Protein backbone atom coordinates (compact mmCIF):
# COMPACT_ATOMS: atom_id res chain seq x y z
CA MET A 1 -89.19 85.76 -94.21
CA SER A 2 -87.18 88.18 -95.42
CA ARG A 3 -84.12 87.40 -94.72
CA HIS A 4 -82.40 83.82 -95.49
CA CYS A 5 -79.28 82.27 -94.31
CA TYR A 6 -76.61 79.31 -94.20
CA PHE A 7 -75.17 78.94 -91.62
CA ASP A 8 -70.52 77.67 -91.63
CA THR A 9 -68.96 75.74 -89.02
CA SER A 10 -67.62 78.25 -88.01
CA ALA A 11 -70.86 80.52 -86.10
CA LEU A 12 -71.90 77.49 -84.41
CA VAL A 13 -68.95 76.27 -83.18
CA LEU A 14 -68.11 79.60 -80.51
CA TRP A 15 -72.17 79.18 -80.50
CA ALA A 16 -70.87 76.35 -78.88
CA GLU A 17 -67.53 77.41 -77.03
CA ALA A 18 -69.27 79.95 -75.03
CA SER A 19 -72.16 77.88 -73.26
CA ASN A 20 -70.28 78.22 -70.68
CA SER A 21 -69.19 81.59 -68.29
CA SER A 22 -65.44 80.82 -68.98
CA ALA A 23 -66.44 81.79 -73.14
CA ASP A 24 -63.83 83.94 -74.46
CA ALA A 25 -65.36 87.65 -75.98
CA ARG A 26 -65.38 86.41 -79.65
CA ALA A 27 -67.10 83.46 -78.93
CA VAL A 28 -69.33 85.52 -76.27
CA ILE A 29 -70.09 87.63 -79.29
CA GLY A 30 -70.92 84.56 -82.23
CA ARG A 31 -72.71 83.33 -79.45
CA THR A 32 -74.89 86.32 -78.95
CA ALA A 33 -74.57 87.01 -82.62
CA VAL A 34 -76.61 83.03 -83.64
CA GLU A 35 -78.73 83.40 -80.90
CA THR A 36 -80.35 86.16 -82.32
CA LEU A 37 -80.73 84.64 -85.57
CA PHE A 38 -82.44 81.38 -84.13
CA ASN A 39 -84.21 83.42 -81.90
CA ASP A 40 -85.84 86.10 -85.02
CA ALA A 41 -88.77 83.98 -86.57
CA SER A 42 -88.74 85.94 -89.73
CA VAL A 43 -84.78 84.23 -90.92
CA SER A 44 -85.10 81.56 -92.46
CA LEU A 45 -82.20 79.42 -91.63
CA ALA A 46 -80.91 76.78 -92.90
CA LEU A 47 -77.31 74.11 -93.05
CA SER A 48 -75.96 71.76 -94.62
CA GLU A 49 -75.16 67.51 -93.51
CA LEU A 50 -71.74 68.03 -94.50
CA THR A 51 -72.20 71.55 -91.21
CA ILE A 52 -73.92 68.80 -89.05
CA LEU A 53 -70.81 66.37 -89.75
CA GLU A 54 -68.54 69.30 -88.74
CA TYR A 55 -69.54 70.45 -85.93
CA SER A 56 -70.44 67.20 -84.38
CA ASN A 57 -66.21 67.26 -84.86
CA SER A 58 -65.68 70.16 -83.67
CA LEU A 59 -67.03 69.86 -80.36
CA ILE A 60 -65.55 66.23 -80.11
CA THR A 61 -62.50 67.01 -80.64
CA LEU A 62 -62.86 69.41 -77.52
CA TRP A 63 -64.00 66.79 -75.82
CA ARG A 64 -60.91 64.48 -77.20
CA THR A 65 -58.42 66.68 -77.51
CA SER A 66 -58.62 70.66 -75.56
CA SER A 67 -57.15 70.70 -71.61
CA LYS A 68 -60.47 73.04 -70.40
CA PRO A 69 -62.28 70.80 -68.28
CA GLN A 70 -65.27 72.91 -69.22
CA PHE A 71 -64.99 70.48 -72.60
CA ASP A 72 -66.42 67.78 -71.16
CA GLN A 73 -69.11 64.86 -73.02
CA SER A 74 -71.68 66.87 -71.15
CA TRP A 75 -70.60 69.97 -73.19
CA ALA A 76 -70.46 68.00 -76.55
CA GLU A 77 -73.72 65.98 -76.20
CA ASP A 78 -75.68 69.17 -74.43
CA ASN A 79 -74.62 71.87 -77.65
CA LEU A 80 -75.18 69.12 -80.16
CA ASN A 81 -78.74 68.21 -78.75
CA ALA A 82 -78.90 71.71 -78.83
CA LEU A 83 -78.13 71.65 -82.21
CA MET A 84 -80.67 68.79 -83.41
CA LYS A 85 -83.63 70.26 -82.12
CA HIS A 86 -83.32 73.03 -83.69
CA VAL A 87 -83.14 70.77 -86.68
CA ALA A 88 -86.35 69.03 -85.50
CA ASP A 89 -88.14 71.31 -84.32
CA GLY A 90 -87.99 72.85 -87.73
CA ARG A 91 -86.37 76.27 -86.64
CA ALA A 92 -83.42 74.96 -89.19
CA THR A 93 -83.72 72.93 -92.44
CA VAL A 94 -80.98 70.81 -94.03
CA VAL A 95 -79.93 71.62 -96.72
CA SER A 96 -78.19 68.71 -99.09
CA ALA A 97 -75.49 69.51 -101.24
CA PRO A 98 -75.57 69.77 -104.98
CA ARG A 99 -74.11 66.73 -106.74
CA TRP A 100 -71.33 68.43 -108.26
CA SER A 101 -69.91 70.49 -105.26
CA PRO A 102 -66.61 67.89 -105.06
CA GLU A 103 -65.48 69.69 -109.17
CA GLN A 104 -67.07 72.19 -107.54
CA ALA A 105 -64.90 73.24 -104.69
CA ILE A 106 -61.23 71.81 -106.15
CA ALA A 107 -62.49 74.88 -108.94
CA LEU A 108 -63.22 77.38 -106.15
CA MET A 109 -59.51 76.35 -104.20
CA THR A 110 -57.78 76.74 -107.34
CA VAL A 111 -59.06 80.47 -108.26
CA ALA A 112 -59.02 81.38 -104.77
CA THR A 113 -54.85 80.20 -104.24
CA ARG A 114 -54.13 81.86 -107.42
CA ARG A 115 -55.25 84.78 -106.37
CA ASN A 116 -53.08 84.04 -103.10
CA VAL A 117 -55.71 83.11 -100.80
CA GLY A 118 -57.27 80.87 -98.31
CA LEU A 119 -60.47 78.58 -99.23
CA LYS A 120 -60.18 75.55 -97.75
CA ALA A 121 -62.62 71.92 -99.43
CA TRP A 122 -64.86 72.07 -96.63
CA ASP A 123 -65.70 76.15 -97.09
CA SER A 124 -65.39 75.51 -100.58
CA ILE A 125 -68.73 73.43 -100.07
CA HIS A 126 -70.78 75.15 -98.07
CA LEU A 127 -69.88 78.34 -100.11
CA VAL A 128 -71.28 76.20 -103.17
CA THR A 129 -74.40 75.03 -100.99
CA ALA A 130 -75.30 78.48 -99.92
CA ALA A 131 -75.30 78.95 -103.75
CA ASN A 132 -77.22 76.09 -104.20
CA TRP A 133 -79.92 77.22 -102.08
CA SER A 134 -80.54 80.72 -102.79
CA ASN A 135 -80.90 79.58 -106.28
CA GLN A 136 -83.17 77.02 -105.56
CA LEU A 137 -85.20 80.32 -103.61
CA GLY A 138 -84.51 82.99 -105.88
CA GLN A 139 -82.70 85.19 -103.66
CA ILE A 140 -79.66 85.45 -102.16
CA VAL A 141 -78.21 83.89 -99.03
CA GLU A 142 -76.99 85.67 -96.56
CA LEU A 143 -73.39 82.79 -95.62
CA VAL A 144 -73.63 83.34 -91.17
CA THR A 145 -69.25 82.36 -90.27
CA CYS A 146 -66.78 83.88 -88.08
CA ASP A 147 -64.57 82.31 -91.17
CA GLU A 148 -63.31 85.41 -92.80
CA ASP A 149 -61.42 83.47 -95.94
CA PHE A 150 -64.84 83.98 -96.84
CA GLU A 151 -65.03 87.99 -97.11
CA ASN A 152 -61.03 87.13 -98.56
CA PHE A 153 -62.60 85.31 -101.58
CA GLY A 154 -65.50 87.49 -102.48
CA ALA A 155 -62.87 89.96 -101.89
CA VAL A 156 -60.77 89.15 -105.31
CA PHE A 157 -63.93 87.08 -106.65
CA ASP A 158 -67.93 87.94 -107.65
CA PHE A 159 -69.02 85.31 -108.82
CA PHE A 160 -71.28 84.48 -105.88
CA ASP A 161 -71.81 88.10 -105.28
CA ASN A 162 -76.18 87.74 -106.35
CA GLN A 163 -76.52 84.38 -103.94
CA VAL A 164 -74.89 85.08 -101.05
CA VAL A 165 -73.61 87.57 -98.62
CA VAL A 166 -71.77 86.30 -95.85
CA PHE A 167 -72.20 87.66 -92.56
CA ARG A 168 -69.82 87.85 -89.91
CA THR A 169 -70.94 86.93 -86.17
CA ALA A 170 -67.27 86.98 -84.76
């Protein structure tokens, strides 16, 4: 495998949002990028338990609170099943967050705040998990996201440059 890609939740949520015909352009672009990765057998894909939990929460929240009728129970369940099929088929590997990820997340959020950029708790854990996977592989990992916070953080804190690069889907 020449590429190793770790999914942040935001990229997968756009992938789900664009699974219906009324998706906005950003979601369609994001879905196309994610589908391209899923369909490219030369790319090694991973996500974490946190990714699955956040993804499920996002789908259920859209189902429960959205004024858009296309985000219904069937949509939520179909999209969760679609992701879990990639996991069950071995197309996407579930990697664990390191046991010290909460402490690292606090440190990263503090650094980000001191440098006047945003980096949320769960995003920090995704970054730490992707970096840990990179260390295990001995190769750079692409963090697949549509969240610009990762790029903004990377611009002011280059510690992860030899482990993680950001791949924006939309």
